[in-house]
Each structure stands twice: as C-alpha cells, then as structure tokens.
Amino acid sequence: MNLILIGNAISFAGAMLMVAVGFLKTRRSILLTQCSMFTLMGTANIILGGMTGAISSLVSILRNLLCLKGPLTVPMKLLVIAVQVMLSARLNTLGWIGWLPIISACFYTWMIDVKDETRLKLVLIIAQSMWFVYDLTIQNYVGFTFDILTILSNMYGIISLRASHRVAHHGDGAAAM
C-alpha cells in the first residue's frame, strides 16, 4: 500500500483527537488527549518522512506527562526545548520547514503552564498554525486539513468559554431589571 495513504490514514486517527482537544475545557483532559494524538501523529510523520514532526510529537508526550505531575519549572522547560532542538538539528532534512514543528513545540512548551483555558487555547492556535505549512510539505493532507479545523475548534472553544464566563458574571440579565 502507498506510504502516503498509510501515513494519512494514521494521521486521520490522530487528527480526530486533535480536533477534539479544541472542545475540551480542562487542562488535564487536554494534556492526556494530546498524548494519544502525539503518538498517532508522530507515527504518521515517520511514515511520511517528517522526522522533526516525529521528534516534536515524541518530546511533546514527555512534556505533557511531566505537566500532569505539576507545573514545569523553567529549567525543566529549557531541558525539554533543548532535547527537541538537538534531536531536530541532527535529523532535520527539510530545511527551515523542518523547524516549524520544533518552533511550535518549543513555544507550546514555554507557554504550557498558562492557567487560563482561554489563553491555553490561544497558544494552541498559534502553535497549530505552524503545523499546517509543515503538514502540506510532507503530503500529510489529512493533517493539513485538520490543522485548520483545530484552529477553528479552538477559536470556537475560546468564544464558548468567554460566553460562559459572561453568563456567570452577569447572570441572565433578569436581575438587572
């Protein structure tokens, strides 16, 4: 079977989880769902020849598991970032495009301890924006499509969170009369 089809099929399974993250509201559920997503997406990246994407996924699993145990300290963040950069420098075969998943993962690693779910979703939008160029380059058409859908689902999540906060702070308007 064609490697592009196999890679895209595995990417589809990971992409379903990627979009689901946009609708999740708790930090723990976001991080755990991402670990499963990273496993599938990393496998798809290997099949499609995207080694830096696979490195990003592998190190991101480690990062998320560390985050579940507590906030990442600055030295721990720097260590995770250094591991990603060093591995990618050795295995990158795609030039500057190969750095996009690493920049994305490093940015997300640095910002992962954001407590506010709305801000975390904004971080996800920025980080995911780098992936759609990378995914298109390695012919991960499913990943590319779902990168865009993930950005949109996180935008929806932000709107939903803001609306629920407005209702919680202002009530339904009846009390103001």
Protein backbone atom coordinates (compact mmCIF):
# COMPACT_ATOMS: atom_id res chain seq x y z
CA MET A 1 0.00 0.00 0.00
CA ASN A 2 1.18 3.54 -0.71
CA LEU A 3 3.05 5.15 2.22
CA ILE A 4 1.26 8.46 1.65
CA LEU A 5 -2.11 6.70 2.09
CA ILE A 6 -0.94 4.80 5.18
CA GLY A 7 0.54 7.94 6.74
CA ASN A 8 -2.61 9.91 6.03
CA ALA A 9 -4.83 7.14 7.45
CA ILE A 10 -2.89 7.16 10.73
CA SER A 11 -2.88 10.94 10.65
CA PHE A 12 -6.68 10.85 10.35
CA ALA A 13 -6.99 8.96 13.64
CA GLY A 14 -4.66 11.46 15.32
CA ALA A 15 -6.47 14.37 13.70
CA MET A 16 -9.78 13.30 15.20
CA LEU A 17 -8.18 13.64 18.63
CA MET A 18 -6.54 16.94 17.65
CA VAL A 19 -9.90 18.49 16.83
CA ALA A 20 -11.47 17.06 19.97
CA VAL A 21 -8.89 18.95 22.05
CA GLY A 22 -10.49 22.20 20.91
CA PHE A 23 -13.73 21.24 22.63
CA LEU A 24 -12.18 20.12 25.92
CA LYS A 25 -12.36 22.52 28.84
CA THR A 26 -9.99 21.11 31.45
CA ARG A 27 -6.23 21.21 31.37
CA ARG A 28 -5.89 17.54 32.36
CA SER A 29 -8.20 16.29 29.59
CA ILE A 30 -6.41 18.49 27.02
CA LEU A 31 -2.96 17.16 28.01
CA LEU A 32 -4.00 13.48 28.13
CA THR A 33 -5.84 13.61 24.82
CA GLN A 34 -2.83 15.30 23.25
CA CYS A 35 -0.58 12.40 24.37
CA SER A 36 -2.70 9.95 22.37
CA MET A 37 -2.80 12.38 19.46
CA PHE A 38 1.01 12.82 19.51
CA THR A 39 1.51 9.05 19.37
CA LEU A 40 -0.57 8.74 16.22
CA MET A 41 0.72 11.92 14.59
CA GLY A 42 4.33 11.00 15.34
CA THR A 43 3.82 7.63 13.68
CA ALA A 44 2.27 9.31 10.63
CA ASN A 45 5.18 11.76 10.46
CA ILE A 46 7.71 8.92 10.43
CA ILE A 47 5.85 7.17 7.61
CA LEU A 48 5.63 10.43 5.61
CA GLY A 49 9.29 11.31 6.13
CA GLY A 50 8.75 14.12 8.61
CA MET A 51 11.38 13.34 11.22
CA THR A 52 11.23 16.68 13.01
CA GLY A 53 7.47 16.30 13.31
CA ALA A 54 8.01 12.87 14.85
CA ILE A 55 10.61 14.28 17.26
CA SER A 56 8.23 17.06 18.20
CA SER A 57 5.50 14.51 18.92
CA LEU A 58 7.73 12.23 20.97
CA VAL A 59 9.15 15.01 23.13
CA SER A 60 5.68 16.55 23.46
CA ILE A 61 4.38 13.32 25.03
CA LEU A 62 7.17 13.51 27.61
CA ARG A 63 6.42 17.19 28.23
CA ASN A 64 2.70 16.62 28.70
CA LEU A 65 3.29 13.73 31.12
CA LEU A 66 5.64 15.93 33.14
CA CYS A 67 2.99 18.67 33.15
CA LEU A 68 0.41 16.30 34.60
CA LYS A 69 2.65 15.85 37.65
CA GLY A 70 2.87 19.58 38.23
CA PRO A 71 3.97 22.82 36.65
CA LEU A 72 7.13 22.68 34.56
CA THR A 73 9.94 24.68 36.11
CA VAL A 74 11.96 26.97 33.87
CA PRO A 75 14.96 24.57 33.95
CA MET A 76 12.65 21.65 33.01
CA LYS A 77 11.16 23.66 30.12
CA LEU A 78 14.63 24.55 28.91
CA LEU A 79 15.67 20.89 29.07
CA VAL A 80 12.63 19.76 27.04
CA ILE A 81 13.27 22.53 24.50
CA ALA A 82 16.99 21.66 24.30
CA VAL A 83 16.21 17.97 23.65
CA GLN A 84 13.87 18.90 20.81
CA VAL A 85 16.31 21.33 19.24
CA MET A 86 19.32 18.99 19.48
CA LEU A 87 17.48 15.98 18.05
CA SER A 88 15.98 18.08 15.27
CA ALA A 89 19.30 19.66 14.36
CA ARG A 90 20.66 16.15 13.76
CA LEU A 91 17.65 14.71 11.91
CA ASN A 92 16.09 17.65 10.02
CA THR A 93 16.08 17.02 6.28
CA LEU A 94 13.53 19.68 5.30
CA GLY A 95 15.44 22.92 5.90
CA TRP A 96 13.52 25.78 7.51
CA ILE A 97 10.20 23.98 7.07
CA GLY A 98 11.55 21.15 9.21
CA TRP A 99 11.96 23.64 12.04
CA LEU A 100 8.27 24.64 12.11
CA PRO A 101 7.11 21.71 14.30
CA ILE A 102 10.01 22.35 16.65
CA ILE A 103 9.31 26.08 16.93
CA SER A 104 5.67 25.19 17.55
CA ALA A 105 6.53 22.63 20.24
CA CYS A 106 9.07 24.92 21.90
CA PHE A 107 6.54 27.77 22.02
CA TYR A 108 3.89 25.46 23.44
CA THR A 109 6.36 24.04 25.97
CA TRP A 110 7.25 27.52 27.15
CA MET A 111 3.57 28.51 27.47
CA ILE A 112 2.13 25.22 28.74
CA ASP A 113 1.72 26.37 32.31
CA VAL A 114 -0.80 29.01 31.32
CA LYS A 115 -3.61 28.55 33.83
CA ASP A 116 -6.40 30.23 31.90
CA GLU A 117 -8.06 27.83 29.45
CA THR A 118 -8.81 30.65 27.02
CA ARG A 119 -5.15 31.65 26.87
CA LEU A 120 -4.13 27.98 26.55
CA LYS A 121 -6.43 27.64 23.54
CA LEU A 122 -4.85 30.77 22.03
CA VAL A 123 -1.42 29.18 22.49
CA LEU A 124 -2.76 26.06 20.73
CA ILE A 125 -3.99 28.17 17.80
CA ILE A 126 -0.59 29.83 17.36
CA ALA A 127 1.29 26.54 17.69
CA GLN A 128 -1.03 24.71 15.29
CA SER A 129 -0.68 27.44 12.69
CA MET A 130 2.94 26.40 12.14
CA TRP A 131 1.97 22.79 11.53
CA PHE A 132 -0.27 23.37 8.52
CA VAL A 133 2.69 24.52 6.37
CA TYR A 134 4.77 21.56 7.55
CA ASP A 135 1.98 19.02 7.02
CA LEU A 136 1.32 20.25 3.50
CA THR A 137 5.04 19.96 2.71
CA ILE A 138 5.26 16.28 3.81
CA GLN A 139 2.00 15.44 1.99
CA ASN A 140 0.07 14.95 5.19
CA TYR A 141 -3.12 16.20 3.60
CA VAL A 142 -5.30 14.93 6.41
CA GLY A 143 -3.07 16.66 8.95
CA PHE A 144 -3.18 19.89 6.94
CA THR A 145 -6.97 19.85 6.78
CA PHE A 146 -7.34 19.07 10.45
CA ASP A 147 -4.75 21.66 11.43
CA ILE A 148 -7.16 24.23 10.06
CA LEU A 149 -10.13 22.57 11.76
CA THR A 150 -8.22 22.50 15.06
CA ILE A 151 -7.53 26.20 14.82
CA LEU A 152 -11.24 26.79 14.19
CA SER A 153 -12.36 24.47 17.02
CA ASN A 154 -10.08 26.25 19.47
CA MET A 155 -11.48 29.59 18.30
CA TYR A 156 -14.94 28.17 19.00
CA GLY A 157 -13.70 26.98 22.40
CA ILE A 158 -12.50 30.49 23.24
CA ILE A 159 -15.83 32.00 22.23
CA SER A 160 -17.67 29.36 24.26
CA LEU A 161 -15.52 29.91 27.35
CA ARG A 162 -15.94 33.69 27.11
CA ALA A 163 -19.71 33.34 26.72
CA SER A 164 -19.96 31.05 29.76
CA HIS A 165 -17.83 33.50 31.78
CA ARG A 166 -20.10 36.40 30.76
CA VAL A 167 -23.18 34.46 31.83
CA ALA A 168 -21.52 33.51 35.13
CA HIS A 169 -20.52 37.11 35.85
CA HIS A 170 -23.61 38.89 34.57
CA GLY A 171 -26.37 36.36 35.02
CA ASP A 172 -29.15 36.10 32.51
CA GLY A 173 -29.99 39.79 32.61
CA ALA A 174 -33.24 39.37 34.56
CA ALA A 175 -31.66 40.52 37.83
CA ALA A 176 -30.61 43.81 36.24
CA MET A 177 -34.22 44.94 35.76
